[in-house]
PDB file of N, CA and C in Angstrom:
ATOM      1  N   MET A   1       0.866  -1.153  -0.018  1.00  0.00           N
ATOM      2  CA  MET A   1       0.000   0.024   0.035  1.00  0.00           C
ATOM      3  C   MET A   1       0.925   1.213   0.047  1.00  0.00           C
ATOM      4  N   ASN A   2       0.380   2.272  -0.687  1.00  0.00           N
ATOM      5  CA  ASN A   2       1.228   3.474  -0.733  1.00  0.00           C
ATOM      6  C   ASN A   2       0.400   4.664  -0.170  1.00  0.00           C
ATOM      7  N   ARG A   3       1.058   5.727   0.023  1.00  0.00           N
ATOM      8  CA  ARG A   3       0.476   7.006   0.459  1.00  0.00           C
ATOM      9  C   ARG A   3       0.570   8.172  -0.524  1.00  0.00           C
ATOM     10  N   ILE A   4       0.691   7.873  -1.790  1.00  0.00           N
ATOM     11  CA  ILE A   4       0.843   8.890  -2.897  1.00  0.00           C
ATOM     12  C   ILE A   4      -0.304   9.927  -2.852  1.00  0.00           C
ATOM     13  N   LYS A   5      -1.594   9.382  -2.651  1.00  0.00           N
ATOM     14  CA  LYS A   5      -2.690  10.213  -2.751  1.00  0.00           C
ATOM     15  C   LYS A   5      -2.730  11.264  -1.509  1.00  0.00           C
ATOM     16  N   GLU A   6      -2.266  10.818  -0.327  1.00  0.00           N
ATOM     17  CA  GLU A   6      -2.214  11.632   0.923  1.00  0.00           C
ATOM     18  C   GLU A   6      -1.067  12.676   0.633  1.00  0.00           C
ATOM     19  N   VAL A   7       0.030  12.329   0.189  1.00  0.00           N
ATOM     20  CA  VAL A   7       1.149  13.281   0.014  1.00  0.00           C
ATOM     21  C   VAL A   7       0.808  14.289  -1.029  1.00  0.00           C
ATOM     22  N   LEU A   8       0.138  13.956  -2.117  1.00  0.00           N
ATOM     23  CA  LEU A   8      -0.387  14.911  -3.089  1.00  0.00           C
ATOM     24  C   LEU A   8      -1.309  15.962  -2.412  1.00  0.00           C
ATOM     25  N   LYS A   9      -2.240  15.357  -1.676  1.00  0.00           N
ATOM     26  CA  LYS A   9      -3.159  16.207  -1.020  1.00  0.00           C
ATOM     27  C   LYS A   9      -2.490  17.200  -0.072  1.00  0.00           C
ATOM     28  N   ASP A  10      -1.572  16.679   0.727  1.00  0.00           N
ATOM     29  CA  ASP A  10      -0.810  17.551   1.743  1.00  0.00           C
ATOM     30  C   ASP A  10      -0.063  18.689   0.911  1.00  0.00           C
ATOM     31  N   GLN A  11       0.403  18.331  -0.231  1.00  0.00           N
ATOM     32  CA  GLN A  11       1.113  19.372  -1.040  1.00  0.00           C
ATOM     33  C   GLN A  11       0.189  20.272  -1.892  1.00  0.00           C
ATOM     34  N   GLY A  12      -1.094  19.948  -1.933  1.00  0.00           N
ATOM     35  CA  GLY A  12      -2.013  20.753  -2.813  1.00  0.00           C
ATOM     36  C   GLY A  12      -1.807  20.397  -4.213  1.00  0.00           C
ATOM     37  N   ARG A  13      -1.311  19.328  -4.582  1.00  0.00           N
ATOM     38  CA  ARG A  13      -1.116  18.937  -5.980  1.00  0.00           C
ATOM     39  C   ARG A  13      -2.085  17.903  -6.490  1.00  0.00           C
ATOM     40  N   THR A  14      -2.191  17.801  -7.755  1.00  0.00           N
ATOM     41  CA  THR A  14      -3.257  16.842  -8.314  1.00  0.00           C
ATOM     42  C   THR A  14      -2.615  15.686  -8.909  1.00  0.00           C
ATOM     43  N   GLN A  15      -3.407  14.662  -9.151  1.00  0.00           N
ATOM     44  CA  GLN A  15      -2.980  13.447  -9.902  1.00  0.00           C
ATOM     45  C   GLN A  15      -2.552  13.818 -11.241  1.00  0.00           C
ATOM     46  N   THR A  16      -3.275  14.729 -11.953  1.00  0.00           N
ATOM     47  CA  THR A  16      -2.939  15.126 -13.312  1.00  0.00           C
ATOM     48  C   THR A  16      -1.545  15.773 -13.267  1.00  0.00           C
ATOM     49  N   TRP A  17      -1.288  16.621 -12.394  1.00  0.00           N
ATOM     50  CA  TRP A  17       0.042  17.188 -12.316  1.00  0.00           C
ATOM     51  C   TRP A  17       1.116  16.129 -12.094  1.00  0.00           C
ATOM     52  N   LEU A  18       0.934  15.294 -11.254  1.00  0.00           N
ATOM     53  CA  LEU A  18       1.917  14.106 -11.092  1.00  0.00           C
ATOM     54  C   LEU A  18       2.099  13.303 -12.314  1.00  0.00           C
ATOM     55  N   ALA A  19       0.958  12.994 -12.957  1.00  0.00           N
ATOM     56  CA  ALA A  19       1.072  12.164 -14.219  1.00  0.00           C
ATOM     57  C   ALA A  19       1.925  12.837 -15.287  1.00  0.00           C
ATOM     58  N   GLN A  20       1.825  14.179 -15.378  1.00  0.00           N
ATOM     59  CA  GLN A  20       2.585  14.943 -16.367  1.00  0.00           C
ATOM     60  C   GLN A  20       4.094  14.964 -15.936  1.00  0.00           C
ATOM     61  N   LYS A  21       4.388  15.052 -14.725  1.00  0.00           N
ATOM     62  CA  LYS A  21       5.755  15.111 -14.191  1.00  0.00           C
ATOM     63  C   LYS A  21       6.480  13.772 -14.301  1.00  0.00           C
ATOM     64  N   ILE A  22       5.704  12.722 -14.216  1.00  0.00           N
ATOM     65  CA  ILE A  22       6.396  11.433 -14.292  1.00  0.00           C
ATOM     66  C   ILE A  22       6.177  10.793 -15.656  1.00  0.00           C
ATOM     67  N   ASN A  23       5.545  11.416 -16.543  1.00  0.00           N
ATOM     68  CA  ASN A  23       5.288  10.859 -17.890  1.00  0.00           C
ATOM     69  C   ASN A  23       4.448   9.563 -17.862  1.00  0.00           C
ATOM     70  N   LYS A  24       3.482   9.535 -17.097  1.00  0.00           N
ATOM     71  CA  LYS A  24       2.593   8.508 -17.016  1.00  0.00           C
ATOM     72  C   LYS A  24       1.152   8.936 -17.331  1.00  0.00           C
ATOM     73  N   SER A  25       0.294   8.122 -17.690  1.00  0.00           N
ATOM     74  CA  SER A  25      -1.059   8.513 -17.958  1.00  0.00           C
ATOM     75  C   SER A  25      -1.836   8.852 -16.694  1.00  0.00           C
ATOM     76  N   TYR A  26      -2.805   9.698 -16.736  1.00  0.00           N
ATOM     77  CA  TYR A  26      -3.741   9.956 -15.579  1.00  0.00           C
ATOM     78  C   TYR A  26      -4.219   8.664 -14.952  1.00  0.00           C
ATOM     79  N   VAL A  27      -4.653   7.825 -15.882  1.00  0.00           N
ATOM     80  CA  VAL A  27      -5.224   6.537 -15.363  1.00  0.00           C
ATOM     81  C   VAL A  27      -4.264   5.735 -14.513  1.00  0.00           C
ATOM     82  N   ILE A  28      -3.074   5.685 -14.986  1.00  0.00           N
ATOM     83  CA  ILE A  28      -1.989   4.906 -14.213  1.00  0.00           C
ATOM     84  C   ILE A  28      -1.854   5.497 -12.886  1.00  0.00           C
ATOM     85  N   VAL A  29      -1.671   6.815 -12.821  1.00  0.00           N
ATOM     86  CA  VAL A  29      -1.487   7.550 -11.553  1.00  0.00           C
ATOM     87  C   VAL A  29      -2.699   7.381 -10.650  1.00  0.00           C
ATOM     88  N   THR A  30      -3.834   7.419 -11.173  1.00  0.00           N
ATOM     89  CA  THR A  30      -5.121   7.254 -10.365  1.00  0.00           C
ATOM     90  C   THR A  30      -5.034   5.850  -9.784  1.00  0.00           C
ATOM     91  N   ASN A  31      -4.656   4.777 -10.554  1.00  0.00           N
ATOM     92  CA  ASN A  31      -4.588   3.574 -10.084  1.00  0.00           C
ATOM     93  C   ASN A  31      -3.532   3.425  -8.936  1.00  0.00           C
ATOM     94  N   TYR A  32      -2.475   4.112  -9.011  1.00  0.00           N
ATOM     95  CA  TYR A  32      -1.423   4.131  -7.910  1.00  0.00           C
ATOM     96  C   TYR A  32      -2.104   4.850  -6.675  1.00  0.00           C
ATOM     97  N   CYS A  33      -2.681   5.985  -6.935  1.00  0.00           N
ATOM     98  CA  CYS A  33      -3.278   6.684  -5.775  1.00  0.00           C
ATOM     99  C   CYS A  33      -4.380   5.974  -5.057  1.00  0.00           C
ATOM    100  N   ASN A  34      -5.142   5.129  -5.728  1.00  0.00           N
ATOM    101  CA  ASN A  34      -6.205   4.354  -5.215  1.00  0.00           C
ATOM    102  C   ASN A  34      -5.816   2.956  -4.757  1.00  0.00           C
ATOM    103  N   ASN A  35      -4.548   2.740  -4.825  1.00  0.00           N
ATOM    104  CA  ASN A  35      -3.875   1.402  -4.507  1.00  0.00           C
ATOM    105  C   ASN A  35      -4.536   0.242  -5.286  1.00  0.00           C
ATOM    106  N   ASN A  36      -4.980   0.577  -6.500  1.00  0.00           N
ATOM    107  CA  ASN A  36      -5.401  -0.519  -7.369  1.00  0.00           C
ATOM    108  C   ASN A  36      -4.218  -1.222  -8.019  1.00  0.00           C
ATOM    109  N   SER A  37      -3.146  -0.492  -8.170  1.00  0.00           N
ATOM    110  CA  SER A  37      -1.889  -1.078  -8.581  1.00  0.00           C
ATOM    111  C   SER A  37      -0.721  -0.339  -7.914  1.00  0.00           C
ATOM    112  N   GLN A  38       0.385  -0.887  -7.904  1.00  0.00           N
ATOM    113  CA  GLN A  38       1.545  -0.298  -7.211  1.00  0.00           C
ATOM    114  C   GLN A  38       2.649   0.037  -8.249  1.00  0.00           C
ATOM    115  N   PRO A  39       3.235   1.169  -8.018  1.00  0.00           N
ATOM    116  CA  PRO A  39       4.373   1.574  -8.983  1.00  0.00           C
ATOM    117  C   PRO A  39       5.620   0.694  -8.698  1.00  0.00           C
ATOM    118  N   SER A  40       6.408   0.467  -9.751  1.00  0.00           N
ATOM    119  CA  SER A  40       7.724  -0.168  -9.521  1.00  0.00           C
ATOM    120  C   SER A  40       8.550   0.630  -8.627  1.00  0.00           C
ATOM    121  N   ILE A  41       9.547   0.054  -7.993  1.00  0.00           N
ATOM    122  CA  ILE A  41      10.446   0.818  -7.267  1.00  0.00           C
ATOM    123  C   ILE A  41      11.101   2.017  -7.926  1.00  0.00           C
ATOM    124  N   GLU A  42      11.430   1.799  -9.220  1.00  0.00           N
ATOM    125  CA  GLU A  42      12.017   2.850 -10.024  1.00  0.00           C
ATOM    126  C   GLU A  42      11.005   4.006 -10.163  1.00  0.00           C
ATOM    127  N   VAL A  43       9.760   3.715 -10.433  1.00  0.00           N
ATOM    128  CA  VAL A  43       8.689   4.814 -10.548  1.00  0.00           C
ATOM    129  C   VAL A  43       8.434   5.388  -9.211  1.00  0.00           C
ATOM    130  N   LEU A  44       8.401   4.645  -8.205  1.00  0.00           N
ATOM    131  CA  LEU A  44       8.277   5.172  -6.865  1.00  0.00           C
ATOM    132  C   LEU A  44       9.361   6.166  -6.481  1.00  0.00           C
ATOM    133  N   ARG A  45      10.561   5.843  -6.788  1.00  0.00           N
ATOM    134  CA  ARG A  45      11.641   6.732  -6.520  1.00  0.00           C
ATOM    135  C   ARG A  45      11.517   8.090  -7.359  1.00  0.00           C
ATOM    136  N   LYS A  46      11.098   7.971  -8.599  1.00  0.00           N
ATOM    137  CA  LYS A  46      10.856   9.052  -9.420  1.00  0.00           C
ATOM    138  C   LYS A  46       9.745   9.947  -8.856  1.00  0.00           C
ATOM    139  N   ILE A  47       8.703   9.351  -8.303  1.00  0.00           N
ATOM    140  CA  ILE A  47       7.562  10.131  -7.710  1.00  0.00           C
ATOM    141  C   ILE A  47       8.095  10.792  -6.464  1.00  0.00           C
ATOM    142  N   ALA A  48       8.862  10.115  -5.643  1.00  0.00           N
ATOM    143  CA  ALA A  48       9.510  10.764  -4.528  1.00  0.00           C
ATOM    144  C   ALA A  48      10.354  11.940  -4.865  1.00  0.00           C
ATOM    145  N   LYS A  49      11.170  11.824  -5.875  1.00  0.00           N
ATOM    146  CA  LYS A  49      11.967  13.007  -6.358  1.00  0.00           C
ATOM    147  C   LYS A  49      11.047  14.132  -6.773  1.00  0.00           C
ATOM    148  N   VAL A  50      10.111  13.918  -7.510  1.00  0.00           N
ATOM    149  CA  VAL A  50       9.207  14.915  -8.063  1.00  0.00           C
ATOM    150  C   VAL A  50       8.486  15.642  -6.875  1.00  0.00           C
ATOM    151  N   LEU A  51       8.102  14.833  -5.843  1.00  0.00           N
ATOM    152  CA  LEU A  51       7.337  15.450  -4.759  1.00  0.00           C
ATOM    153  C   LEU A  51       8.233  16.002  -3.673  1.00  0.00           C
ATOM    154  N   ASP A  52       9.609  15.707  -3.904  1.00  0.00           N
ATOM    155  CA  ASP A  52      10.644  16.194  -2.959  1.00  0.00           C
ATOM    156  C   ASP A  52      10.390  15.561  -1.478  1.00  0.00           C
ATOM    157  N   VAL A  53      10.134  14.297  -1.445  1.00  0.00           N
ATOM    158  CA  VAL A  53       9.963  13.691  -0.171  1.00  0.00           C
ATOM    159  C   VAL A  53      10.893  12.408  -0.136  1.00  0.00           C
ATOM    160  N   ASP A  54      11.157  11.850   1.015  1.00  0.00           N
ATOM    161  CA  ASP A  54      11.877  10.635   1.139  1.00  0.00           C
ATOM    162  C   ASP A  54      10.912   9.521   0.597  1.00  0.00           C
ATOM    163  N   VAL A  55      11.390   8.595  -0.129  1.00  0.00           N
ATOM    164  CA  VAL A  55      10.604   7.488  -0.738  1.00  0.00           C
ATOM    165  C   VAL A  55       9.801   6.833   0.401  1.00  0.00           C
ATOM    166  N   ARG A  56      10.349   6.722   1.649  1.00  0.00           N
ATOM    167  CA  ARG A  56       9.651   5.995   2.760  1.00  0.00           C
ATOM    168  C   ARG A  56       8.335   6.791   3.134  1.00  0.00           C
ATOM    169  N   GLU A  57       8.199   8.023   2.852  1.00  0.00           N
ATOM    170  CA  GLU A  57       6.988   8.698   3.122  1.00  0.00           C
ATOM    171  C   GLU A  57       5.854   8.307   2.198  1.00  0.00           C
ATOM    172  N   LEU A  58       6.123   7.643   1.106  1.00  0.00           N
ATOM    173  CA  LEU A  58       5.174   7.220   0.161  1.00  0.00           C
ATOM    174  C   LEU A  58       4.578   5.889   0.431  1.00  0.00           C
ATOM    175  N   LEU A  59       5.203   5.242   1.482  1.00  0.00           N
ATOM    176  CA  LEU A  59       4.796   3.825   1.712  1.00  0.00           C
ATOM    177  C   LEU A  59       4.083   3.761   3.100  1.00  0.00           C
ATOM    178  N   GLU A  60       3.194   2.892   3.310  1.00  0.00           N
ATOM    179  CA  GLU A  60       2.635   2.489   4.537  1.00  0.00           C
ATOM    180  C   GLU A  60       3.676   1.771   5.356  1.00  0.00           C
ATOM    181  N   PRO A  61       3.855   2.135   6.640  1.00  0.00           N
ATOM    182  CA  PRO A  61       4.793   1.290   7.384  1.00  0.00           C
ATOM    183  C   PRO A  61       4.211  -0.174   7.578  1.00  0.00           C
ATOM    184  N   THR A  62       5.112  -1.100   7.714  1.00  0.00           N
ATOM    185  CA  THR A  62       4.784  -2.488   7.931  1.00  0.00           C
ATOM    186  C   THR A  62       4.824  -2.873   9.414  1.00  0.00           C
ATOM    187  N   LYS A  63       5.633  -2.022  10.136  1.00  0.00           N
ATOM    188  CA  LYS A  63       5.752  -2.238  11.596  1.00  0.00           C
ATOM    189  C   LYS A  63       5.597  -0.923  12.328  1.00  0.00           C
ATOM    190  N   LYS A  64       5.010  -0.967  13.526  1.00  0.00           N
ATOM    191  CA  LYS A  64       4.963   0.307  14.354  1.00  0.00           C
ATOM    192  C   LYS A  64       5.989   0.018  15.356  1.00  0.00           C
ATOM    193  N   PHE A  65       6.707   1.101  15.591  1.00  0.00           N
ATOM    194  CA  PHE A  65       7.825   1.006  16.625  1.00  0.00           C
ATOM    195  C   PHE A  65       7.463   1.818  17.945  1.00  0.00           C
TER     196      PHE A  65
END
């Protein structure tokens, strides 16, 4: 599971904006944002770079410390 949708909302950005920045279709980005599909590690790193966040901020933690 990812947190791309939440990070976009926190930054006031849209899925359309992200799709343009990472050269993916709006439908693909929407699927990422709704957790219908997951981006590859390479794409996830690209998204993190575009959003200027640590890649870990885009992922749901698997353990609580």
